[in-house]
Amino acid sequence: MDGEADRIGERGYEQLRRAAETHRSDLVLRLGAEVGLRPAEMTAVRLADIVEFEGHRLLAVREDGDVVRETSLPDSVEHDMRKYANAAGVDDEPLFSVSPRRLQMLVNEVADRAAETTPRLKEVSSRDLRWRFAASLLDDGVPPDVVCALGGWDRLDRLDPLLDEPDRETIVAAVDGSGGQATASEPQRTVGWITAVSEALAAAATGEAIATAVCDHLTGTAGFEFAWLAEQTGDGLTPRATAEISEPAVGQQIEAHIESVTALLDVGEVHIVDDSTGSVALVPLVRENTVSGVLGVAAGEGLTDTEGAALSALGIQVGHAQVAAERKRLLLADTVTELEFHCGDERTFTAGVSEALQCTVELSGVVPVAGQSLLYYLMVEGASADAILSYADDDDGVADARLLEQHSDGVLLEVVVTDTPALQLVESGGRIQSVTAIDGVATIAVELPSEADIRPTVNAVTDAYRETSLAAKRETERPAETDTGFRDRLADTLSDRQETVLQAAYHSGYFEWPRGSTAEELADSLDVSSPTLHNHLRKAQQKVLTAFFDDRPAEPRRPTDN
């Protein structure tokens, strides 16, 4: 191995870590040298990106919000990530709220300190950390193609500086008994095709592209004899993509094994069935805890445990990708389908509380959260806060509720709901526009992509909730807004002083963690008092957020005193 390529070396890496004076500095070093991340990738890392696979930890690496690959995550690094997140008070946000450039500078600062005792570490950069990552894996016998996949290098020749020219003994040992080709272990091969499929999913922008990419990679990269993907529609399972098998043959497989397919949709576990073409693995496609379709893969004489676990995880990953694609399509759509449901099912909190307490309920904001629940912000008139919270405590469909504001004309509450038609609508890719309830009937308005098949969505809602019906359906034009238009609209709402304070806070690092400037320092720079600064800053932030969120459910209506 070329020692100049890995200029850090094992001992040098230990010296770098000793020179790290903060937990953050040490974690940045470890994410570069032990996980293989670039600074830009580090700024996107969240605890939610940690994935468990067969007892091992993987880290989903993101670029522009999309997962571009998965890499290995040592247990000790995961421990440090969680320790840092806990100390910094980070939950769902990225661990580092600074720029990639700042992380590069941090590595340089650590290298300068380490160079005081080891001069050769003086110019160490974040790129050198990634070379250490690759060199360590290669030393452990990990095949170069897997190293490329884990580190995000697009070509094997990127690793040439780290690879020795093989001698005759090495060549003979590598190909001995393998038919002239070096062989990787099954887990290594599986990691390889999982990485390839993950990259393809990240690049696919539509549901059709996702289905095609999965099938093509399963037959091409993974080497399965055939693959197909079918989704639930109003007509049952409808094939969306096939590879190395005809669509009629897929239909015959589904029909021949309809009982297994039905069980798969109910239970959500991989099934192996015997077919005239051989064994077929039926893999559930899971979209936010709901099985939405089936991935069929030729299983030959059966699947290994590694292949079965990988396909099961792939079904979940495909479901996530489909939901993300639909939501993105909805955000960018010029035309949407609006559906209006009337729900009289008392299990729905809004309908039930309006009937029980003879009050009026109006949704002022909604946020989907993890764990199959929605965070409702509800304006309620005609009932006391104590009565509403007492009702919520007894409602099995409510996980939590708290009072936010109480005024003479009503109360504003935050309610975590787990049993509501709105949740199913969100899981189907919809965006809740409004919810109102009076006299035991909730009216729910939702937007879906105009080209979406609404029958499965409507059937799922009306089947799950009694006394629920589709009351209206309409196509709506939604004018697109350019970036310039958004900025102009925002600028019209900000006062000159608010814009000045907001820009100064942004450029001075006030919003970074840790802060680049304190509020007191910023106030001194602008020659204003600290309370005045906070007043302008809070109002400016509110206007920015209002401008960003105002195409979602109506801006929260808060109770007012008469």
Protein backbone atom coordinates (compact mmCIF):
# COMPACT_ATOMS: atom_id res chain seq x y z
CA MET A 1 0.00 0.00 0.00
CA ASP A 2 1.21 3.49 -0.84
CA GLY A 3 2.10 5.09 2.48
CA GLU A 4 1.97 8.58 0.98
CA ALA A 5 -1.70 8.13 0.03
CA ASP A 6 -2.58 7.28 3.63
CA ARG A 7 -0.51 10.08 5.09
CA ILE A 8 -2.18 9.81 8.50
CA GLY A 9 -1.66 6.14 9.33
CA GLU A 10 -3.00 4.36 12.39
CA ARG A 11 -0.64 6.05 14.84
CA GLY A 12 -1.15 9.47 13.29
CA TYR A 13 -4.91 9.06 13.63
CA GLU A 14 -4.52 8.34 17.33
CA GLN A 15 -2.46 11.51 17.69
CA LEU A 16 -5.10 13.53 15.86
CA ARG A 17 -7.80 12.30 18.20
CA ARG A 18 -5.69 13.21 21.22
CA ALA A 19 -5.35 16.72 19.79
CA ALA A 20 -9.13 17.14 19.52
CA GLU A 21 -10.12 19.40 22.39
CA THR A 22 -13.90 19.04 22.11
CA HIS A 23 -16.37 16.21 21.69
CA ARG A 24 -17.49 17.76 18.41
CA SER A 25 -13.95 17.85 17.00
CA ASP A 26 -13.38 14.22 17.89
CA LEU A 27 -16.71 13.17 16.37
CA VAL A 28 -15.90 14.97 13.11
CA LEU A 29 -12.58 13.12 12.94
CA ARG A 30 -14.30 9.79 13.54
CA LEU A 31 -17.02 10.38 10.96
CA GLY A 32 -14.33 11.10 8.39
CA ALA A 33 -11.77 8.42 9.25
CA GLU A 34 -14.03 5.62 10.50
CA VAL A 35 -17.28 6.20 8.58
CA GLY A 36 -15.89 7.78 5.41
CA LEU A 37 -17.99 10.94 5.30
CA ARG A 38 -17.20 14.14 3.46
CA PRO A 39 -17.77 17.42 5.37
CA ALA A 40 -20.90 18.18 3.33
CA GLU A 41 -22.25 14.73 4.22
CA MET A 42 -21.48 15.27 7.90
CA THR A 43 -23.68 18.37 8.01
CA ALA A 44 -26.68 16.22 7.02
CA VAL A 45 -26.13 13.40 9.54
CA ARG A 46 -29.01 12.74 11.93
CA LEU A 47 -29.58 10.00 14.48
CA ALA A 48 -32.59 8.93 12.41
CA ASP A 49 -30.16 7.93 9.63
CA ILE A 50 -28.78 5.04 11.70
CA VAL A 51 -30.02 1.71 10.30
CA GLU A 52 -29.72 -1.76 11.84
CA PHE A 53 -29.11 -4.71 9.53
CA GLU A 54 -28.49 -8.23 10.85
CA GLY A 55 -27.03 -6.96 14.10
CA HIS A 56 -24.80 -4.40 12.37
CA ARG A 57 -25.16 -0.63 12.21
CA LEU A 58 -25.25 1.22 8.92
CA LEU A 59 -25.50 4.95 8.35
CA ALA A 60 -27.63 6.38 5.54
CA VAL A 61 -25.60 9.11 3.83
CA ARG A 62 -27.61 12.02 2.45
CA GLU A 63 -27.08 14.56 -0.27
CA ASP A 64 -29.65 17.34 -0.78
CA GLY A 65 -31.96 15.44 1.55
CA ASP A 66 -31.86 12.16 -0.41
CA VAL A 67 -30.07 8.98 0.66
CA VAL A 68 -27.21 8.36 -1.79
CA ARG A 69 -25.56 5.38 -0.08
CA GLU A 70 -25.20 3.45 3.16
CA THR A 71 -21.90 2.98 4.93
CA SER A 72 -20.71 0.96 7.89
CA LEU A 73 -21.02 2.55 11.34
CA PRO A 74 -18.82 1.22 14.16
CA ASP A 75 -20.67 0.77 17.44
CA SER A 76 -18.30 3.11 19.25
CA VAL A 77 -18.95 5.88 16.71
CA GLU A 78 -22.70 5.41 17.08
CA HIS A 79 -22.25 5.70 20.85
CA ASP A 80 -20.35 8.97 20.42
CA MET A 81 -23.00 10.30 18.03
CA ARG A 82 -25.76 9.69 20.55
CA LYS A 83 -23.66 11.09 23.38
CA TYR A 84 -22.98 14.26 21.39
CA ALA A 85 -26.63 14.62 20.35
CA ASN A 86 -27.75 14.30 23.96
CA ALA A 87 -25.25 16.89 25.17
CA ALA A 88 -26.14 19.31 22.36
CA GLY A 89 -29.89 18.83 22.78
CA VAL A 90 -30.26 17.53 19.22
CA ASP A 91 -33.20 15.25 18.42
CA ASP A 92 -34.37 15.03 14.80
CA GLU A 93 -32.10 17.79 13.52
CA PRO A 94 -28.69 17.31 11.90
CA LEU A 95 -25.93 16.83 14.47
CA PHE A 96 -23.90 19.75 13.11
CA SER A 97 -25.69 23.00 12.33
CA VAL A 98 -22.63 24.55 10.69
CA SER A 99 -21.34 24.73 7.14
CA PRO A 100 -19.10 22.09 5.52
CA ARG A 101 -16.40 24.75 5.35
CA ARG A 102 -16.52 25.17 9.11
CA LEU A 103 -16.02 21.43 9.61
CA GLN A 104 -13.05 21.50 7.24
CA MET A 105 -11.56 24.34 9.26
CA LEU A 106 -12.14 22.37 12.44
CA VAL A 107 -10.10 19.45 11.03
CA ASN A 108 -7.34 21.89 10.06
CA GLU A 109 -7.30 23.33 13.59
CA VAL A 110 -6.93 19.87 15.12
CA ALA A 111 -4.16 19.05 12.63
CA ASP A 112 -2.28 22.22 13.60
CA ARG A 113 -2.35 21.21 17.26
CA ALA A 114 -1.27 17.65 16.46
CA ALA A 115 1.59 19.02 14.33
CA GLU A 116 3.16 20.56 17.42
CA THR A 117 4.39 17.07 18.32
CA THR A 118 4.11 15.39 14.89
CA PRO A 119 4.99 17.88 12.13
CA ARG A 120 3.85 15.57 9.28
CA LEU A 121 0.24 16.03 10.41
CA LYS A 122 0.40 19.77 9.73
CA GLU A 123 -1.52 19.76 6.44
CA VAL A 124 -3.98 16.95 7.20
CA SER A 125 -7.40 17.61 5.67
CA SER A 126 -10.83 16.00 5.66
CA ARG A 127 -9.83 14.24 2.44
CA ASP A 128 -6.95 12.58 4.28
CA LEU A 129 -9.42 11.29 6.86
CA ARG A 130 -11.33 9.51 4.08
CA TRP A 131 -8.07 8.00 2.79
CA ARG A 132 -7.52 6.65 6.31
CA PHE A 133 -11.03 5.16 6.17
CA ALA A 134 -10.33 3.42 2.86
CA ALA A 135 -6.87 2.24 3.88
CA SER A 136 -8.19 0.73 7.10
CA LEU A 137 -10.90 -1.22 5.27
CA LEU A 138 -8.47 -2.48 2.63
CA ASP A 139 -6.06 -3.59 5.36
CA ASP A 140 -8.93 -5.59 6.88
CA GLY A 141 -9.46 -7.41 3.58
CA VAL A 142 -12.60 -5.59 2.42
CA PRO A 143 -12.77 -5.81 -1.41
CA PRO A 144 -12.02 -2.53 -3.22
CA ASP A 145 -15.46 -2.42 -4.88
CA VAL A 146 -17.14 -2.58 -1.47
CA VAL A 147 -14.80 0.13 -0.17
CA CYS A 148 -15.85 2.30 -3.12
CA ALA A 149 -19.52 1.70 -2.34
CA LEU A 150 -19.11 2.50 1.36
CA GLY A 151 -17.07 5.64 0.76
CA GLY A 152 -19.00 6.95 -2.21
CA TRP A 153 -16.14 6.74 -4.71
CA ASP A 154 -17.57 6.29 -8.19
CA ARG A 155 -14.66 4.33 -9.72
CA LEU A 156 -12.25 1.69 -8.50
CA ASP A 157 -9.28 3.61 -9.88
CA ARG A 158 -9.94 6.26 -7.23
CA LEU A 159 -8.34 3.81 -4.80
CA ASP A 160 -5.26 3.12 -6.94
CA PRO A 161 -2.93 5.10 -4.64
CA LEU A 162 -3.88 2.75 -1.80
CA LEU A 163 -3.54 -0.52 -3.71
CA ASP A 164 -0.32 -2.47 -4.13
CA GLU A 165 0.52 -4.08 -7.45
CA PRO A 166 -0.28 -7.80 -6.91
CA ASP A 167 2.57 -10.28 -7.25
CA ARG A 168 2.22 -13.74 -8.81
CA GLU A 169 1.43 -15.49 -5.53
CA THR A 170 -1.35 -13.00 -4.77
CA ILE A 171 -2.86 -13.42 -8.23
CA VAL A 172 -2.84 -17.22 -8.03
CA ALA A 173 -4.29 -17.24 -4.52
CA ALA A 174 -7.05 -14.83 -5.51
CA VAL A 175 -8.30 -16.85 -8.48
CA ASP A 176 -7.55 -20.35 -7.22
CA GLY A 177 -10.74 -22.43 -7.30
CA SER A 178 -12.95 -19.57 -8.44
CA GLY A 179 -13.00 -20.19 -12.17
CA GLY A 180 -10.63 -17.34 -12.84
CA GLN A 181 -12.57 -14.73 -10.87
CA ALA A 182 -12.03 -13.53 -7.35
CA THR A 183 -15.13 -14.04 -5.23
CA ALA A 184 -16.56 -11.87 -2.51
CA SER A 185 -18.46 -13.22 0.47
CA GLU A 186 -22.24 -13.28 0.37
CA PRO A 187 -22.62 -10.36 2.82
CA GLN A 188 -20.18 -8.33 0.72
CA ARG A 189 -22.12 -9.07 -2.47
CA THR A 190 -25.36 -8.18 -0.71
CA VAL A 191 -23.96 -4.88 0.54
CA GLY A 192 -22.85 -4.18 -3.02
CA TRP A 193 -26.25 -4.59 -4.64
CA ILE A 194 -28.08 -2.93 -1.75
CA THR A 195 -25.85 0.10 -2.24
CA ALA A 196 -26.53 0.10 -5.98
CA VAL A 197 -30.29 -0.10 -5.45
CA SER A 198 -30.16 2.66 -2.81
CA GLU A 199 -28.33 4.94 -5.22
CA ALA A 200 -30.89 4.19 -7.92
CA LEU A 201 -33.76 4.97 -5.54
CA ALA A 202 -32.15 8.27 -4.61
CA ALA A 203 -31.95 9.23 -8.28
CA ALA A 204 -35.51 8.17 -9.18
CA ALA A 205 -37.99 11.06 -9.15
CA THR A 206 -41.29 9.23 -9.75
CA GLY A 207 -43.04 6.09 -8.59
CA GLU A 208 -42.65 4.57 -12.05
CA ALA A 209 -38.92 5.30 -12.08
CA ILE A 210 -38.56 3.77 -8.62
CA ALA A 211 -40.33 0.56 -9.66
CA THR A 212 -38.27 0.23 -12.83
CA ALA A 213 -34.97 0.93 -11.08
CA VAL A 214 -35.60 -1.67 -8.38
CA CYS A 215 -36.50 -4.43 -10.83
CA ASP A 216 -33.61 -3.63 -13.18
CA HIS A 217 -31.04 -3.64 -10.37
CA LEU A 218 -32.35 -6.82 -8.79
CA THR A 219 -31.88 -8.67 -12.06
CA GLY A 220 -28.82 -6.79 -13.27
CA THR A 221 -26.75 -5.95 -10.19
CA ALA A 222 -28.03 -8.53 -7.71
CA GLY A 223 -28.30 -11.32 -10.29
CA PHE A 224 -31.83 -12.55 -9.55
CA GLU A 225 -33.41 -14.32 -12.53
CA PHE A 226 -36.42 -12.00 -12.66
CA ALA A 227 -38.17 -9.33 -10.61
CA TRP A 228 -41.48 -7.50 -10.69
CA LEU A 229 -43.27 -4.87 -8.65
CA ALA A 230 -47.03 -4.55 -8.21
CA GLU A 231 -49.04 -2.02 -6.21
CA GLN A 232 -52.46 -2.14 -4.64
CA THR A 233 -55.10 -0.28 -6.64
CA GLY A 234 -58.86 -0.31 -6.82
CA ASP A 235 -58.57 -3.34 -9.10
CA GLY A 236 -56.34 -5.32 -6.75
CA LEU A 237 -52.63 -5.70 -7.44
CA THR A 238 -51.47 -3.92 -10.59
CA PRO A 239 -47.97 -4.58 -12.02
CA ARG A 240 -45.92 -1.38 -12.27
CA ALA A 241 -42.61 -2.73 -13.54
CA THR A 242 -41.04 -6.01 -14.63
CA ALA A 243 -37.55 -7.23 -15.49
CA GLU A 244 -36.78 -10.49 -17.32
CA ILE A 245 -40.42 -11.58 -17.02
CA SER A 246 -43.54 -10.63 -18.97
CA GLU A 247 -46.45 -8.76 -17.42
CA PRO A 248 -48.92 -11.59 -18.24
CA ALA A 249 -46.62 -14.02 -16.42
CA VAL A 250 -46.64 -11.71 -13.40
CA GLY A 251 -50.43 -11.65 -13.47
CA GLN A 252 -50.48 -15.45 -13.54
CA GLN A 253 -48.13 -15.62 -10.54
CA ILE A 254 -50.30 -13.23 -8.56
CA GLU A 255 -53.48 -15.13 -9.44
CA ALA A 256 -51.92 -18.53 -8.72
CA HIS A 257 -50.72 -17.45 -5.29
CA ILE A 258 -53.46 -15.02 -4.34
CA GLU A 259 -53.81 -16.51 -0.84
CA SER A 260 -50.11 -15.97 -0.12
CA VAL A 261 -50.30 -12.49 -1.60
CA THR A 262 -53.32 -11.64 0.55
CA ALA A 263 -51.55 -12.95 3.66
CA LEU A 264 -48.51 -10.91 2.71
CA LEU A 265 -50.58 -7.73 2.52
CA ASP A 266 -52.09 -8.45 5.93
CA VAL A 267 -48.99 -9.61 7.82
CA GLY A 268 -46.16 -7.84 6.00
CA GLU A 269 -43.60 -10.68 5.99
CA VAL A 270 -41.58 -12.16 3.13
CA HIS A 271 -43.20 -15.31 1.70
CA ILE A 272 -41.60 -17.96 -0.51
CA VAL A 273 -43.99 -19.72 -2.90
CA ASP A 274 -43.39 -22.48 -5.45
CA ASP A 275 -44.26 -21.58 -9.01
CA SER A 276 -43.87 -23.19 -12.41
CA THR A 277 -40.86 -20.92 -12.91
CA GLY A 278 -39.34 -22.01 -9.59
CA SER A 279 -39.49 -20.44 -6.15
CA VAL A 280 -40.65 -16.83 -5.94
CA ALA A 281 -40.02 -14.52 -3.00
CA LEU A 282 -42.94 -12.19 -2.30
CA VAL A 283 -41.69 -9.08 -0.50
CA PRO A 284 -44.08 -6.54 1.08
CA LEU A 285 -43.68 -2.89 0.11
CA VAL A 286 -44.22 -0.97 3.34
CA ARG A 287 -45.28 2.65 3.20
CA GLU A 288 -45.37 4.20 6.66
CA ASN A 289 -46.37 0.92 8.34
CA THR A 290 -48.95 0.06 5.67
CA VAL A 291 -48.32 -2.66 3.06
CA SER A 292 -49.00 -1.01 -0.29
CA GLY A 293 -47.77 -3.60 -2.76
CA VAL A 294 -45.58 -6.59 -3.50
CA LEU A 295 -42.11 -7.08 -4.90
CA GLY A 296 -41.69 -10.47 -6.58
CA VAL A 297 -38.18 -11.91 -6.98
CA ALA A 298 -36.99 -15.24 -8.38
CA ALA A 299 -35.72 -17.21 -5.39
CA GLY A 300 -34.19 -20.20 -7.19
CA GLU A 301 -33.77 -22.90 -4.57
CA GLY A 302 -34.61 -20.43 -1.82
CA LEU A 303 -33.12 -17.35 -0.18
CA THR A 304 -30.29 -17.21 2.28
CA ASP A 305 -30.93 -15.43 5.57
CA THR A 306 -28.86 -12.50 4.34
CA GLU A 307 -30.82 -12.20 1.10
CA GLY A 308 -34.16 -12.50 2.89
CA ALA A 309 -33.26 -9.79 5.40
CA ALA A 310 -31.94 -7.55 2.62
CA LEU A 311 -35.10 -7.93 0.54
CA SER A 312 -37.29 -7.26 3.56
CA ALA A 313 -35.36 -4.06 4.28
CA LEU A 314 -35.57 -3.16 0.58
CA GLY A 315 -39.36 -3.38 0.71
CA ILE A 316 -39.38 -0.74 3.44
CA GLN A 317 -36.85 1.41 1.59
CA VAL A 318 -38.89 1.30 -1.62
CA GLY A 319 -41.99 2.32 0.34
CA HIS A 320 -40.17 5.32 1.81
CA ALA A 321 -38.92 6.33 -1.63
CA GLN A 322 -42.42 6.12 -3.11
CA VAL A 323 -43.90 8.30 -0.37
CA ALA A 324 -41.10 10.85 -0.77
CA ALA A 325 -41.61 10.95 -4.54
CA GLU A 326 -45.35 11.45 -4.19
CA ARG A 327 -44.94 14.24 -1.65
CA LYS A 328 -42.39 15.98 -3.84
CA ARG A 329 -44.69 15.62 -6.83
CA LEU A 330 -47.54 17.10 -4.81
CA LEU A 331 -45.40 20.03 -3.74
CA LEU A 332 -44.45 20.81 -7.34
CA ALA A 333 -47.80 20.04 -8.96
CA ASP A 334 -49.70 22.77 -10.79
CA THR A 335 -52.94 20.78 -10.59
CA VAL A 336 -54.10 18.78 -7.57
CA THR A 337 -57.13 16.71 -6.65
CA GLU A 338 -59.02 17.97 -3.63
CA LEU A 339 -61.09 15.45 -1.68
CA GLU A 340 -63.55 16.29 1.06
CA PHE A 341 -64.65 13.64 3.55
CA HIS A 342 -67.44 13.76 6.11
CA CYS A 343 -66.69 11.59 9.15
CA GLY A 344 -69.16 10.86 11.94
CA ASP A 345 -67.08 8.15 13.60
CA GLU A 346 -66.71 9.02 17.28
CA ARG A 347 -63.28 7.35 17.33
CA THR A 348 -62.07 10.41 15.47
CA PHE A 349 -61.15 12.90 18.19
CA THR A 350 -62.43 16.01 16.41
CA ALA A 351 -65.81 14.46 15.63
CA GLY A 352 -66.15 12.81 19.03
CA VAL A 353 -65.29 15.85 21.13
CA SER A 354 -67.56 18.14 19.11
CA GLU A 355 -70.48 15.80 19.80
CA ALA A 356 -69.70 15.07 23.45
CA LEU A 357 -69.02 18.67 24.48
CA GLN A 358 -71.20 20.44 21.90
CA CYS A 359 -68.29 22.54 20.72
CA THR A 360 -66.76 23.66 17.42
CA VAL A 361 -63.32 22.36 16.45
CA GLU A 362 -61.08 23.82 13.75
CA LEU A 363 -57.62 22.65 12.68
CA SER A 364 -55.11 25.48 12.56
CA GLY A 365 -52.03 23.36 11.83
CA VAL A 366 -50.94 19.75 11.39
CA VAL A 367 -47.51 18.10 11.49
CA PRO A 368 -46.90 14.40 10.68
CA VAL A 369 -44.62 12.85 13.30
CA ALA A 370 -42.93 9.51 13.74
CA GLY A 371 -44.78 6.52 15.11
CA GLN A 372 -47.99 6.75 13.05
CA SER A 373 -49.40 9.91 14.54
CA LEU A 374 -50.27 13.47 13.65
CA LEU A 375 -49.63 16.57 15.70
CA TYR A 376 -52.85 18.58 15.59
CA TYR A 377 -53.12 22.25 16.57
CA LEU A 378 -56.80 22.77 17.28
CA MET A 379 -58.86 25.87 17.95
CA VAL A 380 -61.90 24.89 20.05
CA GLU A 381 -64.84 27.13 20.87
CA GLY A 382 -67.72 26.33 23.20
CA ALA A 383 -65.95 24.10 25.72
CA SER A 384 -63.51 24.61 28.56
CA ALA A 385 -59.90 23.50 28.37
CA ASP A 386 -60.35 21.17 31.34
CA ALA A 387 -63.31 19.43 29.70
CA ILE A 388 -61.45 18.98 26.41
CA LEU A 389 -58.30 17.65 28.07
CA SER A 390 -60.37 15.28 30.20
CA TYR A 391 -62.06 13.96 27.06
CA ALA A 392 -58.66 13.56 25.38
CA ASP A 393 -57.35 11.56 28.36
CA ASP A 394 -60.14 9.03 27.88
CA ASP A 395 -59.77 8.86 24.08
CA ASP A 396 -57.78 5.81 22.93
CA GLY A 397 -56.96 7.62 19.69
CA VAL A 398 -55.11 10.42 21.49
CA ALA A 399 -51.54 9.88 22.67
CA ASP A 400 -51.11 13.26 24.33
CA ALA A 401 -52.76 16.66 24.64
CA ARG A 402 -51.85 19.98 26.19
CA LEU A 403 -53.21 23.49 26.42
CA LEU A 404 -51.30 26.16 24.53
CA GLU A 405 -53.45 29.26 24.97
CA GLN A 406 -56.74 30.10 26.63
CA HIS A 407 -58.80 33.20 25.89
CA SER A 408 -62.36 34.37 26.25
CA ASP A 409 -63.46 33.09 22.84
CA GLY A 410 -61.78 29.70 22.85
CA VAL A 411 -58.70 27.62 23.48
CA LEU A 412 -55.76 26.50 21.37
CA LEU A 413 -54.55 22.97 22.03
CA GLU A 414 -51.84 20.63 20.79
CA VAL A 415 -53.14 17.07 20.38
CA VAL A 416 -51.23 13.98 19.24
CA VAL A 417 -53.77 11.81 17.39
CA THR A 418 -53.13 8.21 16.39
CA ASP A 419 -56.55 7.12 15.11
CA THR A 420 -58.02 9.40 12.46
CA PRO A 421 -58.84 9.29 8.74
CA ALA A 422 -56.40 12.16 8.28
CA LEU A 423 -53.53 9.86 9.23
CA GLN A 424 -54.44 7.38 6.49
CA LEU A 425 -54.72 10.24 4.02
CA VAL A 426 -51.24 11.48 4.93
CA GLU A 427 -49.84 7.94 4.61
CA SER A 428 -51.32 7.83 1.10
CA GLY A 429 -49.27 10.88 0.14
CA GLY A 430 -51.94 13.50 0.81
CA ARG A 431 -51.66 16.90 2.43
CA ILE A 432 -54.32 17.85 4.93
CA GLN A 433 -55.74 21.27 4.08
CA SER A 434 -58.40 21.66 6.76
CA VAL A 435 -60.38 19.84 9.43
CA THR A 436 -63.50 21.23 11.07
CA ALA A 437 -65.96 19.48 13.34
CA ILE A 438 -69.38 20.38 14.69
CA ASP A 439 -72.27 18.31 16.06
CA GLY A 440 -70.31 15.07 15.81
CA VAL A 441 -69.30 15.37 12.14
CA ALA A 442 -65.75 16.18 11.04
CA THR A 443 -65.11 17.61 7.57
CA ILE A 444 -61.64 16.75 6.28
CA ALA A 445 -60.15 18.35 3.15
CA VAL A 446 -57.03 16.83 1.58
CA GLU A 447 -54.93 17.39 -1.54
CA LEU A 448 -53.57 14.51 -3.65
CA PRO A 449 -51.59 14.54 -6.91
CA SER A 450 -54.02 14.94 -9.79
CA GLU A 451 -52.81 11.78 -11.54
CA ALA A 452 -53.04 9.63 -8.40
CA ASP A 453 -55.50 6.73 -8.28
CA ILE A 454 -57.79 7.90 -5.47
CA ARG A 455 -59.90 4.74 -5.21
CA PRO A 456 -57.55 2.85 -2.85
CA THR A 457 -57.30 5.94 -0.66
CA VAL A 458 -61.05 6.50 -0.52
CA ASN A 459 -61.75 2.81 0.09
CA ALA A 460 -59.16 2.60 2.86
CA VAL A 461 -60.68 5.56 4.70
CA THR A 462 -64.35 4.61 4.31
CA ASP A 463 -63.67 0.95 5.18
CA ALA A 464 -61.72 1.83 8.33
CA TYR A 465 -64.09 4.48 9.70
CA ARG A 466 -67.83 3.98 9.86
CA GLU A 467 -70.15 6.83 8.96
CA THR A 468 -67.42 8.26 6.72
CA SER A 469 -68.05 9.19 3.10
CA LEU A 470 -66.48 11.09 0.23
CA ALA A 471 -68.50 14.29 0.00
CA ALA A 472 -66.69 16.11 -2.81
CA LYS A 473 -63.93 15.77 -5.38
CA ARG A 474 -62.53 18.54 -7.55
CA GLU A 475 -59.48 19.37 -9.64
CA THR A 476 -57.76 22.60 -8.61
CA GLU A 477 -55.17 24.70 -10.39
CA ARG A 478 -52.37 25.79 -8.10
CA PRO A 479 -50.18 28.55 -9.56
CA ALA A 480 -46.48 27.91 -9.18
CA GLU A 481 -44.34 30.47 -7.37
CA THR A 482 -40.76 31.16 -8.41
CA ASP A 483 -37.91 31.67 -5.97
CA THR A 484 -37.91 35.34 -6.90
CA GLY A 485 -41.63 35.57 -6.30
CA PHE A 486 -41.25 34.02 -2.86
CA ARG A 487 -38.49 36.45 -1.93
CA ASP A 488 -40.50 39.41 -3.19
CA ARG A 489 -43.55 38.30 -1.23
CA LEU A 490 -41.45 37.89 1.89
CA ALA A 491 -39.70 41.23 1.41
CA ASP A 492 -43.07 42.97 1.23
CA THR A 493 -43.93 41.74 4.73
CA LEU A 494 -40.64 42.62 6.45
CA SER A 495 -39.92 46.10 7.71
CA ASP A 496 -36.51 47.55 6.83
CA ARG A 497 -35.36 47.14 10.42
CA GLN A 498 -36.56 43.54 10.62
CA GLU A 499 -34.75 42.65 7.39
CA THR A 500 -31.56 44.32 8.63
CA VAL A 501 -31.62 42.43 11.93
CA LEU A 502 -32.40 39.12 10.22
CA GLN A 503 -29.57 39.49 7.70
CA ALA A 504 -27.09 40.51 10.38
CA ALA A 505 -28.06 37.55 12.55
CA TYR A 506 -27.70 35.16 9.62
CA HIS A 507 -24.30 36.40 8.46
CA SER A 508 -22.87 36.65 11.98
CA GLY A 509 -23.58 32.98 12.71
CA TYR A 510 -26.30 33.68 15.27
CA PHE A 511 -28.39 30.75 13.99
CA GLU A 512 -25.50 28.26 13.97
CA TRP A 513 -24.74 25.79 16.75
CA PRO A 514 -22.74 26.73 18.65
CA ARG A 515 -23.61 30.34 17.91
CA GLY A 516 -21.10 32.43 16.01
CA SER A 517 -22.42 35.55 17.76
CA THR A 518 -24.51 36.11 20.86
CA ALA A 519 -27.61 38.29 20.92
CA GLU A 520 -25.74 40.84 23.02
CA GLU A 521 -22.88 41.02 20.50
CA LEU A 522 -25.33 41.38 17.65
CA ALA A 523 -27.22 44.12 19.47
CA ASP A 524 -23.96 46.02 20.06
CA SER A 525 -23.05 45.73 16.37
CA LEU A 526 -26.43 47.15 15.34
CA ASP A 527 -26.38 49.76 18.12
CA VAL A 528 -29.72 48.69 19.57
CA SER A 529 -30.76 47.33 22.94
CA SER A 530 -31.02 43.60 23.47
CA PRO A 531 -34.84 43.66 23.97
CA THR A 532 -35.23 45.66 20.74
CA LEU A 533 -33.09 43.16 18.87
CA HIS A 534 -35.11 40.21 20.16
CA ASN A 535 -38.35 41.96 19.26
CA HIS A 536 -37.31 42.62 15.65
CA LEU A 537 -35.75 39.18 15.29
CA ARG A 538 -38.75 37.28 16.62
CA LYS A 539 -41.17 39.19 14.39
CA ALA A 540 -38.94 38.66 11.35
CA GLN A 541 -38.65 34.93 12.04
CA GLN A 542 -42.42 34.65 12.40
CA LYS A 543 -42.93 36.33 9.02
CA VAL A 544 -40.35 34.09 7.32
CA LEU A 545 -42.00 30.97 8.70
CA THR A 546 -45.46 32.24 7.80
CA ALA A 547 -44.33 32.88 4.22
CA PHE A 548 -42.86 29.39 4.01
CA PHE A 549 -45.79 27.53 5.52
CA ASP A 550 -48.70 29.56 4.18
CA ASP A 551 -49.45 27.12 1.33
CA ARG A 552 -50.09 24.44 3.95
CA PRO A 553 -53.13 24.40 6.24
CA ALA A 554 -54.29 27.88 7.08
CA GLU A 555 -52.08 29.98 9.32
CA PRO A 556 -52.97 29.13 12.90
CA ARG A 557 -55.92 31.15 14.08
CA ARG A 558 -55.39 32.01 17.69
CA PRO A 559 -58.04 33.00 20.18
CA THR A 560 -58.32 36.69 20.91
CA ASP A 561 -59.64 38.52 23.91
CA ASN A 562 -62.60 40.79 23.34
